[in-house]
């Protein structure tokens, strides 16, 4: 049986679906603090690449910061995945499970952190 590799990246949770741009952890390089992150940008993936299409065409008129979102990074020091997200994700076991499934993560190896950077804004 082939083991699924864990991934890092960015995501949104919409209608119990995770929309994500991810890469395998083993393709990332650590920074000076042994953190593994990616250069993916929520704004670019949403506005330029329209990552939500073709599944959710109704999101064409929605700004990227209006949907619950977050980022998955890995700490080589703690050996934990750190998931930074808005309150709806951090406080929902259902959403946490969806994100872990999408990124091939083991929940017991994840820490969930609120980050005001990912706070939802509405127009």
PDB file of N, CA and C in Angstrom:
ATOM      1  N   UNK A   1       0.843  -1.186   0.000  1.00  0.00           N
ATOM      2  CA  UNK A   1       0.000   0.000   0.000  1.00  0.00           C
ATOM      3  C   UNK A   1       0.884   1.244   0.000  1.00  0.00           C
ATOM      4  N   UNK A   2       0.592   2.161  -0.874  1.00  0.00           N
ATOM      5  CA  UNK A   2       1.364   3.389  -0.983  1.00  0.00           C
ATOM      6  C   UNK A   2       0.861   4.411   0.029  1.00  0.00           C
ATOM      7  N   UNK A   3       1.793   4.996   0.807  1.00  0.00           N
ATOM      8  CA  UNK A   3       1.432   5.995   1.805  1.00  0.00           C
ATOM      9  C   UNK A   3       1.286   7.350   1.133  1.00  0.00           C
ATOM     10  N   UNK A   4       0.240   8.063   1.503  1.00  0.00           N
ATOM     11  CA  UNK A   4       0.038   9.410   0.967  1.00  0.00           C
ATOM     12  C   UNK A   4       0.960  10.371   1.695  1.00  0.00           C
ATOM     13  N   UNK A   5       1.652  11.193   0.933  1.00  0.00           N
ATOM     14  CA  UNK A   5       2.562  12.167   1.523  1.00  0.00           C
ATOM     15  C   UNK A   5       1.794  13.349   2.101  1.00  0.00           C
ATOM     16  N   UNK A   6       2.244  13.862   3.247  1.00  0.00           N
ATOM     17  CA  UNK A   6       1.614  15.077   3.772  1.00  0.00           C
ATOM     18  C   UNK A   6       1.959  16.267   2.890  1.00  0.00           C
ATOM     19  N   UNK A   7       1.066  17.246   2.868  1.00  0.00           N
ATOM     20  CA  UNK A   7       1.235  18.438   2.045  1.00  0.00           C
ATOM     21  C   UNK A   7       1.183  19.707   2.900  1.00  0.00           C
ATOM     22  N   UNK A   8       1.722  20.775   2.339  1.00  0.00           N
ATOM     23  CA  UNK A   8       1.598  22.113   2.908  1.00  0.00           C
ATOM     24  C   UNK A   8       0.956  22.988   1.841  1.00  0.00           C
ATOM     25  N   UNK A   9       0.429  24.145   2.240  1.00  0.00           N
ATOM     26  CA  UNK A   9      -0.162  25.023   1.244  1.00  0.00           C
ATOM     27  C   UNK A   9      -1.229  25.924   1.825  1.00  0.00           C
ATOM     28  N   UNK A  10      -2.094  26.399   0.941  1.00  0.00           N
ATOM     29  CA  UNK A  10      -3.165  27.315   1.330  1.00  0.00           C
ATOM     30  C   UNK A  10      -4.510  26.679   1.012  1.00  0.00           C
ATOM     31  N   UNK A  11      -5.553  27.184   1.683  1.00  0.00           N
ATOM     32  CA  UNK A  11      -6.875  26.594   1.467  1.00  0.00           C
ATOM     33  C   UNK A  11      -7.986  27.576   1.810  1.00  0.00           C
ATOM     34  N   UNK A  12      -9.171  27.225   1.335  1.00  0.00           N
ATOM     35  CA  UNK A  12     -10.445  27.826   1.708  1.00  0.00           C
ATOM     36  C   UNK A  12     -11.377  26.676   2.038  1.00  0.00           C
ATOM     37  N   UNK A  13     -12.359  26.906   2.904  1.00  0.00           N
ATOM     38  CA  UNK A  13     -13.398  25.915   3.163  1.00  0.00           C
ATOM     39  C   UNK A  13     -14.719  26.551   2.758  1.00  0.00           C
ATOM     40  N   UNK A  14     -15.385  25.908   1.799  1.00  0.00           N
ATOM     41  CA  UNK A  14     -16.639  26.429   1.259  1.00  0.00           C
ATOM     42  C   UNK A  14     -17.586  25.258   1.013  1.00  0.00           C
ATOM     43  N   UNK A  15     -18.788  25.350   1.541  1.00  0.00           N
ATOM     44  CA  UNK A  15     -19.803  24.296   1.365  1.00  0.00           C
ATOM     45  C   UNK A  15     -19.236  22.910   1.698  1.00  0.00           C
ATOM     46  N   UNK A  16     -18.562  22.804   2.827  1.00  0.00           N
ATOM     47  CA  UNK A  16     -17.954  21.545   3.296  1.00  0.00           C
ATOM     48  C   UNK A  16     -16.977  20.945   2.286  1.00  0.00           C
ATOM     49  N   UNK A  17     -16.346  21.809   1.511  1.00  0.00           N
ATOM     50  CA  UNK A  17     -15.327  21.398   0.548  1.00  0.00           C
ATOM     51  C   UNK A  17     -14.079  22.245   0.782  1.00  0.00           C
ATOM     52  N   UNK A  18     -12.922  21.610   0.702  1.00  0.00           N
ATOM     53  CA  UNK A  18     -11.667  22.346   0.809  1.00  0.00           C
ATOM     54  C   UNK A  18     -11.153  22.629  -0.595  1.00  0.00           C
ATOM     55  N   UNK A  19     -10.988  23.904  -0.882  1.00  0.00           N
ATOM     56  CA  UNK A  19     -10.378  24.361  -2.130  1.00  0.00           C
ATOM     57  C   UNK A  19      -8.931  24.666  -1.757  1.00  0.00           C
ATOM     58  N   UNK A  20      -7.974  24.008  -2.401  1.00  0.00           N
ATOM     59  CA  UNK A  20      -6.588  24.134  -1.931  1.00  0.00           C
ATOM     60  C   UNK A  20      -5.580  24.212  -3.062  1.00  0.00           C
ATOM     61  N   UNK A  21      -4.483  24.851  -2.750  1.00  0.00           N
ATOM     62  CA  UNK A  21      -3.268  24.810  -3.577  1.00  0.00           C
ATOM     63  C   UNK A  21      -2.223  24.226  -2.632  1.00  0.00           C
ATOM     64  N   UNK A  22      -1.738  23.048  -2.942  1.00  0.00           N
ATOM     65  CA  UNK A  22      -0.861  22.327  -2.022  1.00  0.00           C
ATOM     66  C   UNK A  22       0.341  21.736  -2.747  1.00  0.00           C
ATOM     67  N   UNK A  23       1.358  21.430  -1.958  1.00  0.00           N
ATOM     68  CA  UNK A  23       2.530  20.746  -2.484  1.00  0.00           C
ATOM     69  C   UNK A  23       3.017  19.741  -1.444  1.00  0.00           C
ATOM     70  N   UNK A  24       3.625  18.641  -1.886  1.00  0.00           N
ATOM     71  CA  UNK A  24       4.126  17.653  -0.924  1.00  0.00           C
ATOM     72  C   UNK A  24       5.202  18.268  -0.025  1.00  0.00           C
ATOM     73  N   UNK A  25       5.156  17.921   1.241  1.00  0.00           N
ATOM     74  CA  UNK A  25       6.131  18.440   2.200  1.00  0.00           C
ATOM     75  C   UNK A  25       7.556  18.130   1.761  1.00  0.00           C
ATOM     76  N   UNK A  26       7.776  16.949   1.185  1.00  0.00           N
ATOM     77  CA  UNK A  26       9.139  16.562   0.817  1.00  0.00           C
ATOM     78  C   UNK A  26       9.715  17.368  -0.352  1.00  0.00           C
ATOM     79  N   UNK A  27       8.920  18.248  -0.954  1.00  0.00           N
ATOM     80  CA  UNK A  27       9.416  19.116  -2.031  1.00  0.00           C
ATOM     81  C   UNK A  27       9.724  20.527  -1.530  1.00  0.00           C
ATOM     82  N   UNK A  28       9.437  20.781  -0.246  1.00  0.00           N
ATOM     83  CA  UNK A  28       9.669  22.105   0.339  1.00  0.00           C
ATOM     84  C   UNK A  28      11.031  22.150   1.030  1.00  0.00           C
ATOM     85  N   UNK A  29      11.563  23.346   1.131  1.00  0.00           N
ATOM     86  CA  UNK A  29      12.836  23.567   1.825  1.00  0.00           C
ATOM     87  C   UNK A  29      12.567  24.379   3.092  1.00  0.00           C
ATOM     88  N   UNK A  30      13.252  24.032   4.193  1.00  0.00           N
ATOM     89  CA  UNK A  30      13.026  24.777   5.435  1.00  0.00           C
ATOM     90  C   UNK A  30      13.702  26.142   5.406  1.00  0.00           C
ATOM     91  N   UNK A  31      13.121  27.079   6.173  1.00  0.00           N
ATOM     92  CA  UNK A  31      13.779  28.373   6.346  1.00  0.00           C
ATOM     93  C   UNK A  31      14.759  28.263   7.521  1.00  0.00           C
ATOM     94  N   UNK A  32      15.290  29.381   7.965  1.00  0.00           N
ATOM     95  CA  UNK A  32      16.292  29.371   9.033  1.00  0.00           C
ATOM     96  C   UNK A  32      15.730  28.916  10.377  1.00  0.00           C
ATOM     97  N   UNK A  33      14.401  28.931  10.530  1.00  0.00           N
ATOM     98  CA  UNK A  33      13.762  28.472  11.765  1.00  0.00           C
ATOM     99  C   UNK A  33      13.225  27.046  11.640  1.00  0.00           C
ATOM    100  N   UNK A  34      13.601  26.363  10.555  1.00  0.00           N
ATOM    101  CA  UNK A  34      13.149  25.007  10.261  1.00  0.00           C
ATOM    102  C   UNK A  34      11.643  24.935  10.009  1.00  0.00           C
ATOM    103  N   UNK A  35      11.085  26.011   9.432  1.00  0.00           N
ATOM    104  CA  UNK A  35       9.676  26.029   9.043  1.00  0.00           C
ATOM    105  C   UNK A  35       9.579  25.766   7.540  1.00  0.00           C
ATOM    106  N   UNK A  36       8.689  24.885   7.177  1.00  0.00           N
ATOM    107  CA  UNK A  36       8.462  24.545   5.784  1.00  0.00           C
ATOM    108  C   UNK A  36       7.170  25.223   5.351  1.00  0.00           C
ATOM    109  N   UNK A  37       7.274  26.122   4.394  1.00  0.00           N
ATOM    110  CA  UNK A  37       6.130  26.875   3.905  1.00  0.00           C
ATOM    111  C   UNK A  37       6.213  26.925   2.384  1.00  0.00           C
ATOM    112  N   UNK A  38       5.227  27.479   1.757  1.00  0.00           N
ATOM    113  CA  UNK A  38       5.223  27.636   0.304  1.00  0.00           C
ATOM    114  C   UNK A  38       4.978  29.103  -0.022  1.00  0.00           C
ATOM    115  N   UNK A  39       5.209  29.454  -1.268  1.00  0.00           N
ATOM    116  CA  UNK A  39       5.024  30.835  -1.710  1.00  0.00           C
ATOM    117  C   UNK A  39       3.627  31.106  -2.255  1.00  0.00           C
ATOM    118  N   UNK A  40       2.720  30.167  -2.122  1.00  0.00           N
ATOM    119  CA  UNK A  40       1.388  30.347  -2.674  1.00  0.00           C
ATOM    120  C   UNK A  40       0.691  31.535  -2.012  1.00  0.00           C
ATOM    121  N   UNK A  41      -0.008  32.311  -2.823  1.00  0.00           N
ATOM    122  CA  UNK A  41      -0.714  33.501  -2.358  1.00  0.00           C
ATOM    123  C   UNK A  41      -2.220  33.304  -2.509  1.00  0.00           C
ATOM    124  N   UNK A  42      -2.955  33.542  -1.423  1.00  0.00           N
ATOM    125  CA  UNK A  42      -4.415  33.452  -1.500  1.00  0.00           C
ATOM    126  C   UNK A  42      -4.968  34.376  -2.577  1.00  0.00           C
ATOM    127  N   UNK A  43      -4.479  35.601  -2.585  1.00  0.00           N
ATOM    128  CA  UNK A  43      -4.992  36.583  -3.532  1.00  0.00           C
ATOM    129  C   UNK A  43      -4.742  36.147  -4.978  1.00  0.00           C
ATOM    130  N   UNK A  44      -3.536  35.704  -5.275  1.00  0.00           N
ATOM    131  CA  UNK A  44      -3.211  35.307  -6.654  1.00  0.00           C
ATOM    132  C   UNK A  44      -4.013  34.066  -7.078  1.00  0.00           C
ATOM    133  N   UNK A  45      -4.074  33.073  -6.210  1.00  0.00           N
ATOM    134  CA  UNK A  45      -4.794  31.842  -6.570  1.00  0.00           C
ATOM    135  C   UNK A  45      -6.276  32.110  -6.775  1.00  0.00           C
ATOM    136  N   UNK A  46      -6.834  33.032  -5.995  1.00  0.00           N
ATOM    137  CA  UNK A  46      -8.266  33.333  -6.100  1.00  0.00           C
ATOM    138  C   UNK A  46      -8.564  34.245  -7.281  1.00  0.00           C
ATOM    139  N   UNK A  47      -7.834  35.362  -7.355  1.00  0.00           N
ATOM    140  CA  UNK A  47      -8.169  36.384  -8.351  1.00  0.00           C
ATOM    141  C   UNK A  47      -7.601  36.093  -9.737  1.00  0.00           C
ATOM    142  N   UNK A  48      -6.395  35.579  -9.825  1.00  0.00           N
ATOM    143  CA  UNK A  48      -5.784  35.349 -11.136  1.00  0.00           C
ATOM    144  C   UNK A  48      -6.004  33.935 -11.655  1.00  0.00           C
ATOM    145  N   UNK A  49      -5.874  32.940 -10.792  1.00  0.00           N
ATOM    146  CA  UNK A  49      -6.007  31.557 -11.241  1.00  0.00           C
ATOM    147  C   UNK A  49      -7.415  30.996 -11.047  1.00  0.00           C
ATOM    148  N   UNK A  50      -8.235  31.750 -10.305  1.00  0.00           N
ATOM    149  CA  UNK A  50      -9.631  31.351 -10.063  1.00  0.00           C
ATOM    150  C   UNK A  50      -9.732  29.881  -9.666  1.00  0.00           C
ATOM    151  N   UNK A  51      -9.023  29.557  -8.615  1.00  0.00           N
ATOM    152  CA  UNK A  51      -8.875  28.191  -8.127  1.00  0.00           C
ATOM    153  C   UNK A  51     -10.213  27.507  -7.833  1.00  0.00           C
ATOM    154  N   UNK A  52     -11.247  28.277  -7.580  1.00  0.00           N
ATOM    155  CA  UNK A  52     -12.562  27.744  -7.224  1.00  0.00           C
ATOM    156  C   UNK A  52     -13.350  27.250  -8.434  1.00  0.00           C
ATOM    157  N   UNK A  53     -12.923  27.597  -9.645  1.00  0.00           N
ATOM    158  CA  UNK A  53     -13.611  27.139 -10.847  1.00  0.00           C
ATOM    159  C   UNK A  53     -13.063  25.780 -11.264  1.00  0.00           C
ATOM    160  N   UNK A  54     -13.826  24.919 -11.848  1.00  0.00           N
ATOM    161  CA  UNK A  54     -15.211  25.033 -12.302  1.00  0.00           C
ATOM    162  C   UNK A  54     -16.238  24.602 -11.251  1.00  0.00           C
ATOM    163  N   UNK A  55     -15.784  24.167 -10.079  1.00  0.00           N
ATOM    164  CA  UNK A  55     -16.720  23.623  -9.072  1.00  0.00           C
ATOM    165  C   UNK A  55     -17.697  24.637  -8.494  1.00  0.00           C
ATOM    166  N   UNK A  56     -17.246  25.883  -8.320  1.00  0.00           N
ATOM    167  CA  UNK A  56     -18.082  26.875  -7.654  1.00  0.00           C
ATOM    168  C   UNK A  56     -18.124  28.181  -8.442  1.00  0.00           C
ATOM    169  N   UNK A  57     -18.797  28.207  -9.598  1.00  0.00           N
ATOM    170  CA  UNK A  57     -18.853  29.428 -10.404  1.00  0.00           C
ATOM    171  C   UNK A  57     -19.538  30.588  -9.679  1.00  0.00           C
ATOM    172  N   UNK A  58     -20.349  30.286  -8.659  1.00  0.00           N
ATOM    173  CA  UNK A  58     -21.015  31.350  -7.911  1.00  0.00           C
ATOM    174  C   UNK A  58     -20.031  32.213  -7.136  1.00  0.00           C
ATOM    175  N   UNK A  59     -18.791  31.774  -7.016  1.00  0.00           N
ATOM    176  CA  UNK A  59     -17.780  32.544  -6.283  1.00  0.00           C
ATOM    177  C   UNK A  59     -17.079  33.602  -7.140  1.00  0.00           C
ATOM    178  N   UNK A  60     -17.446  33.704  -8.410  1.00  0.00           N
ATOM    179  CA  UNK A  60     -16.833  34.707  -9.284  1.00  0.00           C
ATOM    180  C   UNK A  60     -16.944  36.121  -8.729  1.00  0.00           C
ATOM    181  N   UNK A  61     -18.029  36.432  -8.072  1.00  0.00           N
ATOM    182  CA  UNK A  61     -18.250  37.782  -7.561  1.00  0.00           C
ATOM    183  C   UNK A  61     -17.831  37.922  -6.094  1.00  0.00           C
ATOM    184  N   UNK A  62     -17.157  36.910  -5.550  1.00  0.00           N
ATOM    185  CA  UNK A  62     -16.777  36.904  -4.138  1.00  0.00           C
ATOM    186  C   UNK A  62     -15.273  37.151  -4.015  1.00  0.00           C
ATOM    187  N   UNK A  63     -14.894  37.988  -3.061  1.00  0.00           N
ATOM    188  CA  UNK A  63     -13.476  38.270  -2.805  1.00  0.00           C
ATOM    189  C   UNK A  63     -12.848  37.114  -2.015  1.00  0.00           C
ATOM    190  N   UNK A  64     -11.563  36.902  -2.202  1.00  0.00           N
ATOM    191  CA  UNK A  64     -10.878  35.771  -1.567  1.00  0.00           C
ATOM    192  C   UNK A  64     -10.942  35.811  -0.044  1.00  0.00           C
ATOM    193  N   UNK A  65     -11.042  36.999   0.549  1.00  0.00           N
ATOM    194  CA  UNK A  65     -11.048  37.113   2.002  1.00  0.00           C
ATOM    195  C   UNK A  65     -12.456  37.009   2.609  1.00  0.00           C
ATOM    196  N   UNK A  66     -13.443  36.702   1.789  1.00  0.00           N
ATOM    197  CA  UNK A  66     -14.817  36.545   2.279  1.00  0.00           C
ATOM    198  C   UNK A  66     -15.156  35.094   2.622  1.00  0.00           C
ATOM    199  N   UNK A  67     -14.252  34.178   2.334  1.00  0.00           N
ATOM    200  CA  UNK A  67     -14.463  32.750   2.576  1.00  0.00           C
ATOM    201  C   UNK A  67     -13.445  32.292   3.621  1.00  0.00           C
ATOM    202  N   UNK A  68     -13.856  31.390   4.515  1.00  0.00           N
ATOM    203  CA  UNK A  68     -12.935  30.855   5.522  1.00  0.00           C
ATOM    204  C   UNK A  68     -11.694  30.302   4.837  1.00  0.00           C
ATOM    205  N   UNK A  69     -10.523  30.692   5.339  1.00  0.00           N
ATOM    206  CA  UNK A  69      -9.292  30.285   4.677  1.00  0.00           C
ATOM    207  C   UNK A  69      -8.167  30.097   5.685  1.00  0.00           C
ATOM    208  N   UNK A  70      -7.053  29.570   5.182  1.00  0.00           N
ATOM    209  CA  UNK A  70      -5.904  29.367   6.052  1.00  0.00           C
ATOM    210  C   UNK A  70      -4.688  28.858   5.299  1.00  0.00           C
ATOM    211  N   UNK A  71      -3.665  28.507   6.084  1.00  0.00           N
ATOM    212  CA  UNK A  71      -2.381  28.061   5.540  1.00  0.00           C
ATOM    213  C   UNK A  71      -1.861  26.924   6.402  1.00  0.00           C
ATOM    214  N   UNK A  72      -1.271  25.916   5.749  1.00  0.00           N
ATOM    215  CA  UNK A  72      -0.646  24.788   6.431  1.00  0.00           C
ATOM    216  C   UNK A  72       0.861  24.906   6.246  1.00  0.00           C
ATOM    217  N   UNK A  73       1.590  24.930   7.359  1.00  0.00           N
ATOM    218  CA  UNK A  73       3.051  24.891   7.316  1.00  0.00           C
ATOM    219  C   UNK A  73       3.518  23.737   8.204  1.00  0.00           C
ATOM    220  N   UNK A  74       4.799  23.422   8.132  1.00  0.00           N
ATOM    221  CA  UNK A  74       5.344  22.340   8.952  1.00  0.00           C
ATOM    222  C   UNK A  74       6.544  22.861   9.725  1.00  0.00           C
ATOM    223  N   UNK A  75       6.600  22.517  10.989  1.00  0.00           N
ATOM    224  CA  UNK A  75       7.737  22.882  11.829  1.00  0.00           C
ATOM    225  C   UNK A  75       8.655  21.679  11.977  1.00  0.00           C
ATOM    226  N   UNK A  76       9.853  21.802  11.426  1.00  0.00           N
ATOM    227  CA  UNK A  76      10.836  20.731  11.561  1.00  0.00           C
ATOM    228  C   UNK A  76      11.306  20.563  12.998  1.00  0.00           C
ATOM    229  N   UNK A  77      11.238  21.625  13.799  1.00  0.00           N
ATOM    230  CA  UNK A  77      11.658  21.550  15.203  1.00  0.00           C
ATOM    231  C   UNK A  77      10.658  20.774  16.050  1.00  0.00           C
ATOM    232  N   UNK A  78       9.386  21.107  15.940  1.00  0.00           N
ATOM    233  CA  UNK A  78       8.370  20.445  16.771  1.00  0.00           C
ATOM    234  C   UNK A  78       7.823  19.176  16.126  1.00  0.00           C
ATOM    235  N   UNK A  79       8.064  19.005  14.822  1.00  0.00           N
ATOM    236  CA  UNK A  79       7.521  17.872  14.058  1.00  0.00           C
ATOM    237  C   UNK A  79       5.993  17.901  14.005  1.00  0.00           C
ATOM    238  N   UNK A  80       5.438  19.114  14.009  1.00  0.00           N
ATOM    239  CA  UNK A  80       3.989  19.310  13.922  1.00  0.00           C
ATOM    240  C   UNK A  80       3.661  20.184  12.728  1.00  0.00           C
ATOM    241  N   UNK A  81       2.482  19.945  12.169  1.00  0.00           N
ATOM    242  CA  UNK A  81       1.940  20.837  11.161  1.00  0.00           C
ATOM    243  C   UNK A  81       1.215  21.946  11.903  1.00  0.00           C
ATOM    244  N   UNK A  82       1.452  23.177  11.497  1.00  0.00           N
ATOM    245  CA  UNK A  82       0.772  24.323  12.083  1.00  0.00           C
ATOM    246  C   UNK A  82      -0.213  24.839  11.049  1.00  0.00           C
ATOM    247  N   UNK A  83      -1.462  24.883  11.439  1.00  0.00           N
ATOM    248  CA  UNK A  83      -2.494  25.365  10.534  1.00  0.00           C
ATOM    249  C   UNK A  83      -3.018  26.678  11.090  1.00  0.00           C
ATOM    250  N   UNK A  84      -2.777  27.738  10.334  1.00  0.00           N
ATOM    251  CA  UNK A  84      -3.244  29.076  10.689  1.00  0.00           C
ATOM    252  C   UNK A  84      -4.505  29.336   9.889  1.00  0.00           C
ATOM    253  N   UNK A  85      -5.560  29.776  10.571  1.00  0.00           N
ATOM    254  CA  UNK A  85      -6.834  29.947   9.874  1.00  0.00           C
ATOM    255  C   UNK A  85      -7.738  30.903  10.639  1.00  0.00           C
ATOM    256  N   UNK A  86      -8.904  31.154  10.044  1.00  0.00           N
ATOM    257  CA  UNK A  86      -9.891  31.992  10.705  1.00  0.00           C
ATOM    258  C   UNK A  86     -10.657  31.159  11.735  1.00  0.00           C
ATOM    259  N   UNK A  87     -11.423  31.830  12.546  1.00  0.00           N
ATOM    260  CA  UNK A  87     -12.144  31.215  13.673  1.00  0.00           C
ATOM    261  C   UNK A  87     -13.048  30.054  13.246  1.00  0.00           C
ATOM    262  N   UNK A  88     -13.751  30.196  12.119  1.00  0.00           N
ATOM    263  CA  UNK A  88     -14.676  29.142  11.683  1.00  0.00           C
ATOM    264  C   UNK A  88     -13.959  27.810  11.478  1.00  0.00           C
ATOM    265  N   UNK A  89     -12.750  27.856  10.982  1.00  0.00           N
ATOM    266  CA  UNK A  89     -11.988  26.624  10.755  1.00  0.00           C
ATOM    267  C   UNK A  89     -11.414  26.108  12.069  1.00  0.00           C
ATOM    268  N   UNK A  90     -10.774  26.988  12.819  1.00  0.00           N
ATOM    269  CA  UNK A  90     -10.102  26.585  14.058  1.00  0.00           C
ATOM    270  C   UNK A  90     -11.087  25.994  15.073  1.00  0.00           C
ATOM    271  N   UNK A  91     -12.317  26.481  15.083  1.00  0.00           N
ATOM    272  CA  UNK A  91     -13.289  26.028  16.076  1.00  0.00           C
ATOM    273  C   UNK A  91     -14.212  24.907  15.583  1.00  0.00           C
ATOM    274  N   UNK A  92     -13.964  24.386  14.390  1.00  0.00           N
ATOM    275  CA  UNK A  92     -14.843  23.356  13.835  1.00  0.00           C
ATOM    276  C   UNK A  92     -14.078  22.047  13.605  1.00  0.00           C
ATOM    277  N   UNK A  93     -14.470  21.003  14.326  1.00  0.00           N
ATOM    278  CA  UNK A  93     -13.865  19.683  14.114  1.00  0.00           C
ATOM    279  C   UNK A  93     -14.138  19.205  12.685  1.00  0.00           C
ATOM    280  N   UNK A  94     -15.328  19.496  12.167  1.00  0.00           N
ATOM    281  CA  UNK A  94     -15.660  19.100  10.787  1.00  0.00           C
ATOM    282  C   UNK A  94     -14.691  19.748   9.800  1.00  0.00           C
ATOM    283  N   UNK A  95     -14.476  21.045   9.928  1.00  0.00           N
ATOM    284  CA  UNK A  95     -13.572  21.743   9.006  1.00  0.00           C
ATOM    285  C   UNK A  95     -12.138  21.264   9.186  1.00  0.00           C
ATOM    286  N   UNK A  96     -11.726  21.035  10.422  1.00  0.00           N
ATOM    287  CA  UNK A  96     -10.370  20.533  10.670  1.00  0.00           C
ATOM    288  C   UNK A  96     -10.170  19.177   9.985  1.00  0.00           C
ATOM    289  N   UNK A  97     -11.166  18.319  10.084  1.00  0.00           N
ATOM    290  CA  UNK A  97     -11.096  17.004   9.444  1.00  0.00           C
ATOM    291  C   UNK A  97     -11.000  17.146   7.928  1.00  0.00           C
ATOM    292  N   UNK A  98     -11.786  18.043   7.354  1.00  0.00           N
ATOM    293  CA  UNK A  98     -11.734  18.269   5.904  1.00  0.00           C
ATOM    294  C   UNK A  98     -10.348  18.732   5.465  1.00  0.00           C
ATOM    295  N   UNK A  99      -9.755  19.657   6.213  1.00  0.00           N
ATOM    296  CA  UNK A  99      -8.423  20.174   5.873  1.00  0.00           C
ATOM    297  C   UNK A  99      -7.385  19.061   6.019  1.00  0.00           C
ATOM    298  N   UNK A 100      -7.432  18.317   7.109  1.00  0.00           N
ATOM    299  CA  UNK A 100      -6.474  17.214   7.296  1.00  0.00           C
ATOM    300  C   UNK A 100      -6.581  16.198   6.165  1.00  0.00           C
ATOM    301  N   UNK A 101      -7.799  15.857   5.778  1.00  0.00           N
ATOM    302  CA  UNK A 101      -7.991  14.902   4.674  1.00  0.00           C
ATOM    303  C   UNK A 101      -7.409  15.448   3.377  1.00  0.00           C
ATOM    304  N   UNK A 102      -7.652  16.713   3.085  1.00  0.00           N
ATOM    305  CA  UNK A 102      -7.177  17.312   1.835  1.00  0.00           C
ATOM    306  C   UNK A 102      -5.652  17.358   1.767  1.00  0.00           C
ATOM    307  N   UNK A 103      -5.001  17.611   2.904  1.00  0.00           N
ATOM    308  CA  UNK A 103      -3.545  17.760   2.942  1.00  0.00           C
ATOM    309  C   UNK A 103      -2.829  16.478   3.405  1.00  0.00           C
ATOM    310  N   UNK A 104      -3.589  15.388   3.551  1.00  0.00           N
ATOM    311  CA  UNK A 104      -3.037  14.099   3.988  1.00  0.00           C
ATOM    312  C   UNK A 104      -2.311  14.209   5.332  1.00  0.00           C
ATOM    313  N   UNK A 105      -2.957  14.855   6.293  1.00  0.00           N
ATOM    314  CA  UNK A 105      -2.363  15.079   7.606  1.00  0.00           C
ATOM    315  C   UNK A 105      -3.026  14.187   8.655  1.00  0.00           C
ATOM    316  N   UNK A 106      -2.247  13.831   9.665  1.00  0.00           N
ATOM    317  CA  UNK A 106      -2.756  13.098  10.818  1.00  0.00           C
ATOM    318  C   UNK A 106      -3.151  14.142  11.865  1.00  0.00           C
ATOM    319  N   UNK A 107      -4.424  14.185  12.252  1.00  0.00           N
ATOM    320  CA  UNK A 107      -4.879  15.242  13.165  1.00  0.00           C
ATOM    321  C   UNK A 107      -4.050  15.397  14.437  1.00  0.00           C
ATOM    322  N   UNK A 108      -3.568  14.310  14.994  1.00  0.00           N
ATOM    323  CA  UNK A 108      -2.780  14.396  16.229  1.00  0.00           C
ATOM    324  C   UNK A 108      -1.415  15.050  16.011  1.00  0.00           C
ATOM    325  N   UNK A 109      -1.036  15.270  14.756  1.00  0.00           N
ATOM    326  CA  UNK A 109       0.233  15.931  14.440  1.00  0.00           C
ATOM    327  C   UNK A 109       0.008  17.367  13.972  1.00  0.00           C
ATOM    328  N   UNK A 110      -1.164  17.916  14.294  1.00  0.00           N
ATOM    329  CA  UNK A 110      -1.509  19.266  13.857  1.00  0.00           C
ATOM    330  C   UNK A 110      -1.835  20.153  15.049  1.00  0.00           C
ATOM    331  N   UNK A 111      -1.432  21.399  14.949  1.00  0.00           N
ATOM    332  CA  UNK A 111      -1.882  22.413  15.898  1.00  0.00           C
ATOM    333  C   UNK A 111      -2.621  23.468  15.098  1.00  0.00           C
ATOM    334  N   UNK A 112      -3.730  23.932  15.658  1.00  0.00           N
ATOM    335  CA  UNK A 112      -4.607  24.881  14.987  1.00  0.00           C
ATOM    336  C   UNK A 112      -4.484  26.228  15.676  1.00  0.00           C
ATOM    337  N   UNK A 113      -4.215  27.271  14.905  1.00  0.00           N
ATOM    338  CA  UNK A 113      -3.984  28.588  15.477  1.00  0.00           C
ATOM    339  C   UNK A 113      -4.818  29.646  14.758  1.00  0.00           C
ATOM    340  N   UNK A 114      -5.471  30.489  15.564  1.00  0.00           N
ATOM    341  CA  UNK A 114      -6.162  31.643  14.991  1.00  0.00           C
ATOM    342  C   UNK A 114      -5.119  32.617  14.484  1.00  0.00           C
ATOM    343  N   UNK A 115      -5.408  33.223  13.360  1.00  0.00           N
ATOM    344  CA  UNK A 115      -4.506  34.224  12.807  1.00  0.00           C
ATOM    345  C   UNK A 115      -5.355  35.329  12.215  1.00  0.00           C
ATOM    346  N   UNK A 116      -5.211  36.538  12.760  1.00  0.00           N
ATOM    347  CA  UNK A 116      -6.051  37.631  12.278  1.00  0.00           C
ATOM    348  C   UNK A 116      -5.795  37.942  10.809  1.00  0.00           C
ATOM    349  N   UNK A 117      -4.659  37.494  10.275  1.00  0.00           N
ATOM    350  CA  UNK A 117      -4.378  37.654   8.846  1.00  0.00           C
ATOM    351  C   UNK A 117      -5.444  36.943   8.006  1.00  0.00           C
ATOM    352  N   UNK A 118      -6.016  35.868   8.544  1.00  0.00           N
ATOM    353  CA  UNK A 118      -7.012  35.080   7.813  1.00  0.00           C
ATOM    354  C   UNK A 118      -8.439  35.382   8.242  1.00  0.00           C
ATOM    355  N   UNK A 119      -8.624  36.450   8.969  1.00  0.00           N
ATOM    356  CA  UNK A 119      -9.953  36.875   9.399  1.00  0.00           C
ATOM    357  C   UNK A 119     -10.838  37.116   8.171  1.00  0.00           C
ATOM    358  N   UNK A 120     -12.094  36.739   8.259  1.00  0.00           N
ATOM    359  CA  UNK A 120     -13.025  36.910   7.144  1.00  0.00           C
ATOM    360  C   UNK A 120     -13.476  38.371   7.062  1.00  0.00           C
ATOM    361  N   UNK A 121     -13.411  38.925   5.865  1.00  0.00           N
ATOM    362  CA  UNK A 121     -13.914  40.277   5.590  1.00  0.00           C
ATOM    363  C   UNK A 121     -15.061  40.148   4.610  1.00  0.00           C
ATOM    364  N   UNK A 122     -16.079  40.930   4.808  1.00  0.00           N
ATOM    365  CA  UNK A 122     -17.193  40.931   3.854  1.00  0.00           C
ATOM    366  C   UNK A 122     -17.350  42.318   3.266  1.00  0.00           C
ATOM    367  N   UNK A 123     -17.803  42.358   2.026  1.00  0.00           N
ATOM    368  CA  UNK A 123     -17.958  43.658   1.356  1.00  0.00           C
ATOM    369  C   UNK A 123     -19.312  44.257   1.594  1.00  0.00           C
TER     370      UNK A 123
END
